[in-house]
Protein backbone atom coordinates (compact mmCIF):
# COMPACT_ATOMS: atom_id res chain seq x y z
CA MET A 1 10.10 98.17 96.58
CA PRO A 2 9.71 96.44 93.19
CA TRP A 3 11.35 99.18 91.16
CA VAL A 4 14.47 99.14 93.39
CA ARG A 5 14.79 95.38 93.01
CA ASN A 6 14.41 95.62 89.25
CA LEU A 7 17.03 98.40 89.05
CA ARG A 8 19.60 96.39 91.05
CA ARG A 9 19.03 93.38 88.83
CA PHE A 10 19.49 95.53 85.73
CA ILE A 11 22.74 97.08 86.98
CA GLY A 12 24.11 93.75 88.24
CA SER A 13 23.77 92.24 84.78
CA GLY A 14 26.04 94.97 83.41
CA ASN A 15 23.53 96.12 80.85
CA GLY A 16 23.02 99.48 82.60
CA LEU A 17 26.76 100.26 82.82
CA GLY A 18 28.70 102.36 80.35
CA SER A 19 31.61 101.07 78.31
CA GLU A 20 34.20 102.79 80.53
CA THR A 21 32.83 101.21 83.68
CA LEU A 22 32.79 97.81 82.04
CA MET A 23 36.41 98.29 80.99
CA GLU A 24 37.42 99.17 84.57
CA LEU A 25 35.71 96.07 85.94
CA GLU A 26 37.42 93.89 83.35
CA THR A 27 40.80 95.47 84.15
CA LYS A 28 40.33 94.84 87.89
CA ARG A 29 39.39 91.25 87.19
CA ILE A 30 42.49 90.67 85.05
CA LEU A 31 44.81 92.34 87.60
CA LEU A 32 43.24 90.32 90.39
CA ASP A 33 43.87 87.10 88.44
CA ILE A 34 47.51 88.10 87.84
CA PHE A 35 47.96 88.93 91.54
CA LYS A 36 46.51 85.59 92.62
CA GLU A 37 48.74 83.75 90.13
CA ARG A 38 51.89 85.46 91.46
CA GLN A 39 50.87 84.76 95.04
CA GLN A 40 50.53 81.08 94.18
CA LYS A 41 53.97 81.00 92.50
CA ASN A 42 55.58 82.70 95.51
CA ALA A 43 53.94 80.20 97.84
CA GLU A 44 55.22 77.29 95.74
CA GLY A 45 58.74 78.72 95.34
CA GLY A 46 59.16 79.71 98.99
CA SER A 47 59.70 83.15 100.43
CA ILE A 48 63.03 85.01 100.34
CA PRO A 49 64.87 84.35 103.64
CA THR A 50 65.64 87.32 105.83
CA PHE A 51 69.33 88.21 105.70
CA TYR A 52 69.24 90.80 108.46
CA LYS A 53 67.53 90.66 111.80
CA LYS A 54 67.90 93.44 114.31
CA LYS A 55 69.48 92.30 117.55
CA PRO A 56 67.31 92.64 120.64
CA GLU A 57 68.04 95.62 122.86
CA GLU A 58 70.00 95.09 126.06
CA GLY A 59 67.64 94.34 128.94
CA SER A 60 64.61 93.71 126.75
CA ILE A 61 62.42 90.64 127.24
CA SER A 62 63.57 89.08 123.96
CA HIS A 63 67.21 89.65 124.98
CA ARG A 64 66.64 87.98 128.34
CA VAL A 65 64.83 85.05 126.74
CA GLN A 66 67.68 84.65 124.24
CA ARG A 67 70.30 84.60 127.00
CA LEU A 68 68.30 82.12 129.07
CA ALA A 69 67.80 79.81 126.08
CA LYS A 70 71.51 80.00 125.29
CA TYR A 71 72.45 79.26 128.90
CA ARG A 72 70.17 76.21 129.07
CA PHE A 73 71.36 74.90 125.72
CA LEU A 74 75.06 75.19 126.62
CA LYS A 75 74.42 73.64 130.03
CA LYS A 76 72.69 70.67 128.38
CA GLN A 77 75.59 70.25 125.94
CA SER A 78 78.07 70.41 128.79
CA GLU A 79 76.21 67.69 130.70
CA LEU A 80 76.53 65.39 127.67
CA LEU A 81 80.34 65.62 127.75
CA LEU A 82 82.58 63.00 129.32
CA ASN A 83 84.44 64.22 132.39
CA ALA A 84 87.92 63.17 133.54
CA ASP A 85 86.61 60.17 135.50
CA ASP A 86 84.57 59.03 132.50
CA LEU A 87 87.63 59.19 130.27
CA ASP A 88 89.67 57.18 132.79
CA SER A 89 86.92 54.54 132.94
CA MET A 90 86.82 54.34 129.15
CA TRP A 91 90.59 53.84 128.99
CA VAL A 92 90.35 51.00 131.53
CA CYS A 93 87.57 49.37 129.48
CA LEU A 94 89.60 49.66 126.30
CA ARG A 95 92.68 48.07 127.86
CA GLU A 96 90.77 45.26 129.58
CA ASN A 97 88.92 44.20 126.43
CA CYS A 98 91.59 44.60 123.73
CA VAL A 99 94.06 42.09 122.28
CA ILE A 100 97.84 42.38 122.02
CA ASP A 101 99.34 42.28 118.53
CA ASP A 102 102.05 39.58 118.60
CA ALA A 103 104.16 41.36 115.98
CA THR A 104 104.18 44.92 117.33
CA GLY A 105 102.90 44.57 120.89
CA ALA A 106 100.27 47.24 120.21
CA GLU A 107 96.88 47.02 121.92
CA LYS A 108 94.17 46.56 119.29
CA MET A 109 90.50 45.72 118.86
CA ASN A 110 88.37 44.40 116.02
CA TYR A 111 84.79 45.48 115.36
CA GLU A 112 83.32 42.81 117.65
CA ASP A 113 85.57 43.98 120.49
CA PHE A 114 84.61 47.56 119.63
CA CYS A 115 80.88 46.76 120.03
CA HIS A 116 81.51 44.84 123.25
CA ILE A 117 83.52 47.73 124.72
CA ALA A 118 80.70 50.08 123.72
CA SER A 119 78.24 48.00 125.77
CA VAL A 120 80.57 47.86 128.79
CA CYS A 121 81.25 51.60 128.66
CA THR A 122 77.55 52.37 128.34
CA GLU A 123 76.84 50.32 131.47
CA GLN A 124 79.63 51.95 133.48
CA ILE A 125 79.59 55.52 132.16
CA GLY A 126 76.15 55.97 130.68
CA PRO A 127 74.62 56.59 127.25
CA LYS A 128 76.66 59.78 126.68
CA CYS A 129 79.66 57.71 125.56
CA ARG A 130 77.64 55.75 123.01
CA ARG A 131 78.14 58.28 120.19
CA PHE A 132 81.88 57.58 120.09
CA PHE A 133 81.29 53.90 119.28
CA SER A 134 79.48 54.31 115.97
CA PRO A 135 80.46 52.22 112.90
CA SER A 136 81.54 55.38 111.07
CA ASN A 137 84.00 56.22 113.85
CA PHE A 138 85.50 52.73 113.68
CA MET A 139 86.05 53.15 109.94
CA LYS A 140 87.99 56.39 110.45
CA PHE A 141 91.02 54.59 111.86
CA GLU A 142 93.75 52.66 110.09
CA LYS A 143 93.22 48.89 110.21
CA ASP A 144 95.70 46.03 110.00
CA GLU A 145 95.35 42.86 107.94
CA SER A 146 92.91 41.42 110.47
CA GLY A 147 90.68 44.51 110.41
CA ARG A 148 91.77 45.69 113.87
CA ILE A 149 92.43 49.25 115.01
CA ALA A 150 94.77 50.44 117.77
CA ILE A 151 93.02 51.58 120.94
CA LEU A 152 95.39 54.52 121.62
CA PRO A 153 94.50 56.59 118.51
CA PHE A 154 90.82 55.96 119.23
CA TYR A 155 91.17 57.11 122.83
CA LEU A 156 93.11 60.22 121.76
CA TYR A 157 90.34 60.95 119.26
CA VAL A 158 87.76 60.80 122.06
CA MET A 159 89.86 63.06 124.29
CA ARG A 160 90.39 65.64 121.53
CA THR A 161 86.68 65.64 120.63
CA VAL A 162 85.73 66.23 124.27
CA SER A 163 88.37 68.94 124.62
CA LEU A 164 87.27 70.82 121.48
CA THR A 165 83.60 70.54 122.42
CA GLN A 166 84.33 71.93 125.88
CA ALA A 167 86.35 74.75 124.32
CA ARG A 168 83.47 75.57 121.99
CA ILE A 169 81.02 75.67 124.90
CA ASP A 170 83.34 77.95 126.89
CA MET A 171 83.79 80.31 123.92
CA SER A 172 80.06 80.34 123.18
CA GLU A 173 79.36 81.38 126.77
CA LEU A 174 81.62 84.41 126.25
CA ASP A 175 80.07 85.28 122.87
CA GLU A 176 77.86 88.12 124.10
CA ASP A 177 75.87 88.68 120.91
CA SER A 178 75.72 84.95 120.01
CA ASP A 179 76.86 85.52 116.41
CA GLY A 180 79.51 82.76 116.42
CA PHE A 181 82.40 85.25 116.60
CA LEU A 182 84.64 86.40 119.45
CA GLN A 183 85.78 89.97 119.87
CA PRO A 184 89.24 90.73 121.33
CA HIS A 185 88.02 91.27 124.91
CA GLU A 186 86.01 88.02 124.73
CA MET A 187 89.04 86.06 123.52
CA GLU A 188 91.15 87.59 126.28
CA ALA A 189 88.54 86.52 128.82
CA TYR A 190 88.66 82.94 127.46
CA ILE A 191 92.45 82.83 127.77
CA ARG A 192 92.28 84.34 131.26
CA GLY A 193 89.96 81.52 132.30
CA LEU A 194 92.41 78.91 130.97
CA ILE A 195 95.48 80.18 132.83
CA PRO A 196 94.79 78.33 136.14
CA ASN A 197 94.45 75.04 134.22
CA LEU A 198 97.67 75.41 132.20
CA ALA A 199 100.59 73.97 134.14
CA GLN A 200 103.22 76.24 132.61
CA LEU A 201 101.24 79.43 133.35
CA ARG A 202 100.11 78.84 136.93
CA ASP A 203 103.00 80.81 138.41
CA MET A 204 102.41 83.85 136.21
CA PRO A 205 102.69 87.14 138.15
CA ALA A 206 99.23 88.64 138.68
CA ALA A 207 100.40 92.01 137.33
CA PHE A 208 101.35 90.42 134.01
CA ILE A 209 98.09 88.52 133.35
CA ASN A 210 96.31 91.30 131.43
CA MET A 211 99.33 91.90 129.20
CA TYR A 212 99.76 88.17 128.63
CA CYS A 213 96.11 87.76 127.59
CA ARG A 214 96.48 90.68 125.18
CA ILE A 215 99.57 89.14 123.54
CA ALA A 216 98.09 85.64 123.40
CA ALA A 217 94.74 86.76 121.98
CA HIS A 218 96.47 88.76 119.25
CA LYS A 219 97.88 85.63 117.62
CA PHE A 220 94.39 84.17 117.28
CA PHE A 221 93.23 87.31 115.50
CA PHE A 222 96.32 87.46 113.29
CA PHE A 223 95.57 83.98 111.93
CA CYS A 224 91.76 83.74 112.30
CA ASP A 225 90.79 87.29 111.29
CA PRO A 226 92.69 87.89 108.03
CA HIS A 227 90.40 90.74 106.96
CA ARG A 228 90.95 92.56 110.27
CA ARG A 229 87.25 92.88 111.09
CA GLY A 230 87.95 92.77 114.82
CA LYS A 231 86.25 89.42 115.40
CA ALA A 232 87.35 85.80 114.98
CA CYS A 233 85.06 82.93 114.00
CA ILE A 234 84.77 80.40 116.83
CA LYS A 235 84.86 77.45 114.42
CA LYS A 236 88.03 78.78 112.80
CA VAL A 237 89.64 79.31 116.21
CA LEU A 238 88.87 75.71 117.23
CA LEU A 239 90.43 74.31 114.04
CA SER A 240 93.48 76.58 114.09
CA ASN A 241 96.97 75.53 115.13
CA CYS A 242 96.94 78.40 117.64
CA LEU A 243 94.58 76.60 120.02
CA GLN A 244 96.65 73.43 119.80
CA GLU A 245 99.81 75.44 120.54
CA LEU A 246 98.11 77.03 123.55
CA MET A 247 96.97 73.65 124.89
CA GLU A 248 100.57 72.38 124.79
CA LEU A 249 101.10 74.43 127.95
CA HIS A 250 99.18 71.72 129.84
CA GLN A 251 102.48 69.80 130.01
CA GLU A 252 104.03 69.84 133.45
CA SER A 253 107.39 71.58 133.75
CA GLU A 254 108.89 68.37 135.16
CA GLU A 255 108.64 66.88 131.68
CA GLU A 256 111.75 68.84 130.78
CA VAL A 257 110.33 71.45 128.45
CA THR A 258 113.47 73.13 127.13
CA ASP A 259 113.97 76.89 127.00
CA THR A 260 114.08 76.68 123.21
CA GLU A 261 110.68 75.00 123.07
CA GLN A 262 109.23 77.61 125.42
CA ALA A 263 110.65 80.45 123.35
CA GLU A 264 109.24 78.96 120.14
CA ASN A 265 105.75 78.69 121.64
CA TRP A 266 104.12 82.12 121.32
CA PHE A 267 101.81 81.37 124.26
CA SER A 268 104.54 80.47 126.75
CA LEU A 269 105.31 82.91 129.55
CA THR A 270 108.90 83.13 128.32
CA SER A 271 107.78 84.22 124.85
CA ALA A 272 105.29 86.81 126.15
CA GLN A 273 107.92 88.35 128.39
CA ARG A 274 110.38 88.37 125.49
CA ILE A 275 107.91 90.33 123.34
CA CYS A 276 107.34 92.91 126.09
CA ASP A 277 111.05 93.29 126.79
CA MET A 278 111.74 93.70 123.08
CA PHE A 279 109.15 96.45 122.70
CA LEU A 280 110.37 98.30 125.80
CA ALA A 281 113.99 98.07 124.62
CA LEU A 282 113.07 99.56 121.21
CA ASP A 283 110.93 102.33 122.70
CA LYS A 284 113.80 104.68 123.51
CA ASP A 285 111.63 107.72 124.26
CA MET A 286 109.21 105.57 126.32
CA ASN A 287 106.09 107.09 124.73
CA GLY A 288 104.38 103.70 124.21
CA THR A 289 104.88 103.65 120.42
CA LEU A 290 107.76 102.99 118.03
CA SER A 291 109.02 105.39 115.40
CA LYS A 292 110.68 104.23 112.18
CA GLN A 293 114.08 105.03 113.62
CA GLU A 294 113.36 102.96 116.74
CA LEU A 295 112.02 100.00 114.75
CA LYS A 296 115.20 99.92 112.66
CA GLU A 297 116.97 98.48 115.71
CA TYR A 298 114.73 95.38 115.61
CA ALA A 299 116.72 92.13 115.15
CA ASP A 300 120.02 93.98 115.69
CA GLY A 301 119.32 96.30 112.76
CA THR A 302 119.43 93.61 110.05
CA LEU A 303 116.13 94.64 108.44
CA THR A 304 116.35 96.96 105.45
CA GLU A 305 115.28 100.58 105.60
CA ILE A 306 112.90 100.25 102.65
CA PHE A 307 111.09 97.37 104.36
CA ILE A 308 110.62 99.41 107.55
CA GLU A 309 109.24 102.29 105.47
CA ARG A 310 106.82 99.98 103.65
CA ALA A 311 105.71 98.33 106.91
CA PHE A 312 104.71 101.75 108.21
CA ASP A 313 102.99 102.66 104.94
CA GLU A 314 100.90 99.49 104.80
CA HIS A 315 100.30 98.44 108.39
CA VAL A 316 100.54 101.48 110.68
CA ARG A 317 97.59 103.83 111.03
CA ARG A 318 98.12 107.56 111.15
CA SER A 319 97.55 109.27 114.47
CA LYS A 320 94.28 111.19 114.83
CA THR A 321 96.19 114.25 116.03
CA GLY A 322 97.93 114.60 112.67
CA GLY A 323 101.34 116.18 112.19
CA GLY A 324 104.36 115.23 110.12
CA ASN A 325 105.85 112.71 112.56
CA SER A 326 102.54 111.44 113.89
CA ARG A 327 102.71 107.95 112.36
CA GLU A 328 104.18 105.59 114.94
CA MET A 329 103.70 101.87 115.56
CA ASP A 330 101.61 100.98 118.60
CA PHE A 331 101.90 97.72 120.52
CA GLU A 332 99.10 96.00 118.55
CA SER A 333 100.79 96.79 115.23
CA PHE A 334 104.11 95.66 116.68
CA LEU A 335 102.58 92.27 117.54
CA ASP A 336 101.41 91.93 113.93
CA PHE A 337 104.91 92.85 112.76
CA VAL A 338 106.58 90.24 114.98
CA LEU A 339 104.03 87.53 114.12
CA ALA A 340 104.56 88.11 110.40
CA LEU A 341 108.35 87.90 110.67
CA GLU A 342 108.24 84.79 112.88
CA ASN A 343 105.67 83.04 110.64
CA LYS A 344 106.89 83.97 107.18
CA ASP A 345 106.03 80.57 105.72
CA THR A 346 102.33 80.80 106.63
CA PRO A 347 99.78 82.35 104.24
CA GLU A 348 98.92 85.00 106.84
CA GLY A 349 102.53 85.98 107.48
CA LEU A 350 103.43 85.99 103.81
CA THR A 351 100.37 88.09 102.97
CA TYR A 352 101.50 90.70 105.51
CA LEU A 353 105.03 90.77 104.06
CA PHE A 354 103.89 90.78 100.43
CA ARG A 355 102.00 94.02 100.97
CA CYS A 356 105.31 95.54 102.08
CA LEU A 357 107.21 94.08 99.12
CA ASP A 358 104.60 95.29 96.62
CA LEU A 359 106.12 98.76 96.28
CA HIS A 360 103.45 100.13 93.93
CA GLY A 361 100.39 98.27 95.22
CA ARG A 362 99.83 96.46 91.92
CA GLY A 363 99.47 92.95 93.33
CA PHE A 364 102.71 91.66 91.79
CA LEU A 365 106.50 92.12 91.83
CA THR A 366 108.57 92.86 88.76
CA THR A 367 112.31 92.49 88.21
CA ALA A 368 112.67 96.22 88.94
CA ASP A 369 110.92 95.75 92.31
CA ILE A 370 113.24 92.86 93.22
CA HIS A 371 116.26 94.98 92.25
CA THR A 372 115.04 97.91 94.39
CA LEU A 373 114.28 95.72 97.40
CA PHE A 374 117.54 93.79 97.30
CA ARG A 375 119.67 96.91 96.86
CA ASP A 376 119.40 97.68 100.60
CA VAL A 377 120.20 94.05 101.49
CA HIS A 378 123.24 94.23 99.22
CA GLN A 379 124.45 97.41 100.93
CA LYS A 380 124.19 95.84 104.41
CA TRP A 381 125.85 92.70 103.04
CA ILE A 382 128.90 94.64 101.87
CA GLU A 383 129.03 96.71 105.07
CA GLY A 384 129.21 93.42 106.98
CA GLY A 385 132.47 92.56 105.22
CA ASN A 386 131.07 89.84 102.96
CA TYR A 387 132.12 89.06 99.40
CA GLU A 388 130.84 91.08 96.45
CA LEU A 389 127.78 89.67 94.72
CA CYS A 390 125.76 90.51 91.63
CA ILE A 391 122.19 91.71 92.22
CA GLU A 392 121.10 90.34 88.84
CA ASP A 393 122.27 86.85 89.82
CA VAL A 394 120.22 86.99 93.03
CA ARG A 395 117.22 88.23 91.07
CA ASP A 396 117.50 85.32 88.64
CA GLU A 397 117.86 82.89 91.55
CA ILE A 398 114.64 84.21 93.10
CA TRP A 399 112.84 83.77 89.79
CA ASP A 400 114.09 80.17 89.60
CA MET A 401 112.93 79.50 93.16
CA VAL A 402 109.42 80.91 92.62
CA LYS A 403 108.80 79.80 89.01
CA PRO A 404 105.91 82.29 88.56
CA VAL A 405 103.01 81.51 86.24
CA ASP A 406 103.67 84.77 84.40
CA PRO A 407 107.43 84.92 83.71
CA LEU A 408 107.38 88.73 83.95
CA LYS A 409 105.91 89.10 87.44
CA ILE A 410 105.62 87.34 90.82
CA THR A 411 102.27 87.33 92.62
CA LEU A 412 101.34 86.34 96.16
CA ALA A 413 99.79 83.16 94.77
CA ASP A 414 103.16 82.30 93.15
CA LEU A 415 104.99 82.75 96.48
CA LEU A 416 102.47 80.56 98.29
CA ALA A 417 102.55 77.87 95.60
CA CYS A 418 106.36 77.58 95.42
CA LYS A 419 106.60 76.69 99.16
CA GLN A 420 109.65 78.96 99.44
CA GLY A 421 107.85 82.26 99.86
CA GLY A 422 109.18 82.77 103.39
CA THR A 423 112.76 82.28 102.22
CA VAL A 424 112.29 84.70 99.32
CA ALA A 425 110.78 87.31 101.63
CA SER A 426 113.71 86.92 104.08
CA MET A 427 116.20 87.41 101.25
CA LEU A 428 114.56 90.70 100.26
CA ILE A 429 114.04 92.30 103.69
CA ASP A 430 116.73 90.95 106.02
CA VAL A 431 120.47 90.63 105.45
CA ARG A 432 120.55 87.86 108.06
CA GLY A 433 117.89 86.02 106.07
CA PHE A 434 119.96 86.29 102.90
CA TRP A 435 123.05 85.10 104.79
CA ALA A 436 121.13 82.05 106.04
CA HIS A 437 120.06 81.24 102.47
CA ASP A 438 123.56 81.74 101.11
CA ASN A 439 125.02 79.44 103.80
CA ARG A 440 122.16 76.92 103.87
CA GLU A 441 124.37 73.95 103.02
CA ASN A 442 126.84 74.69 105.83
CA LEU A 443 124.00 75.28 108.30
CA LEU A 444 122.35 72.00 107.30
CA GLN A 445 125.63 70.17 107.79
CA GLU A 446 126.06 71.70 111.27
CA GLU A 447 122.55 70.54 112.23
CA GLU A 448 123.29 66.98 111.08
CA GLU A 449 126.61 66.64 112.94
CA PRO A 450 125.19 66.72 116.52
CA GLU A 451 122.57 64.13 115.52
CA GLU A 452 125.30 61.77 114.34
CA GLU A 453 127.24 62.22 117.58
């Protein structure tokens, strides 16, 4: 109808609208322009990345797809690794195509030899060895005046790379939630899988395997999980000295591994049995935990009473059942205790001990704290029939050893920076440690005499 058409045209022009309606339309237009402008800026600047993604439920399709993708990826990575036969073939190629240094007799190769060996290895082994023969890898090694590198360090580099990659694949297979971290039971499973391949552990009694894995895994978490979150980063585990120490057990027993070397290696069967025997000997009431009185017998009773008290205050959890005497040290806490005392010079060990030395939880030690801590050492020193000494002189000696940034207090950073933090800690918690420091010159002389003979 004509009148309807004319009315729509009139309203569409805005002439038939009131001022309020016009204002609303103008407001909507402005807001719409602002919204479009912000959308454009967000598109240009990129969206905020998601920092949390819910893990798929066990048994769901997404969970199964994730596990299958992970399995295929790890299998592909494993197929790209050199096996034992490939490594032997590479070593033969290196030795057949190197030159002998007239001065040292070392087997070396220049870059042209390096490229030639790469071609030979690729023909015999396949393209998977090609990545080791890149120019950047050649430049990593020390060169002589003629620009040659020794073949042995290069071959050891290849072996270590293959070994670490294989270890990472094995750990990733055990990482159930694929977050790049291993939980204690996953680390124990990894160590359990290594036992048949470690020459010095093959004869381990079957009944002791679970306990051994528990002891061995705990060292990884002591050094690779400093915040005690209950999981260790796989990358940190691979780069730690713990894994290298564990792999030393590949050596055959015929190579004359001494009892001392076995005892010093935390992962040796001798060391693990020593830890168990020590705990059982201290646990007089055989309740599976250690009281303060029982722990005082550790190291023949040379540790001070105040240190034992502080160790319980800082590192032993209270029992859920409550009660006045409920706080006792379980086996896990005992492993931390032993690791800290046997690795006092490491940042992790010193951090553990510093929390015990910091009597008031202030993050630093004062002269009064040093005096209080050493008073117990002094008492044991006199009871042992030693000469009288002045606590103030020892305190001043510690200050000279540490040389703290703030002359009025010693922090953990000061102990780590002075490189004598382990010695200082021993002087303050263990009368045997103070005796060793006091007789360091005589002990050093005794160590040098057998070498001269």
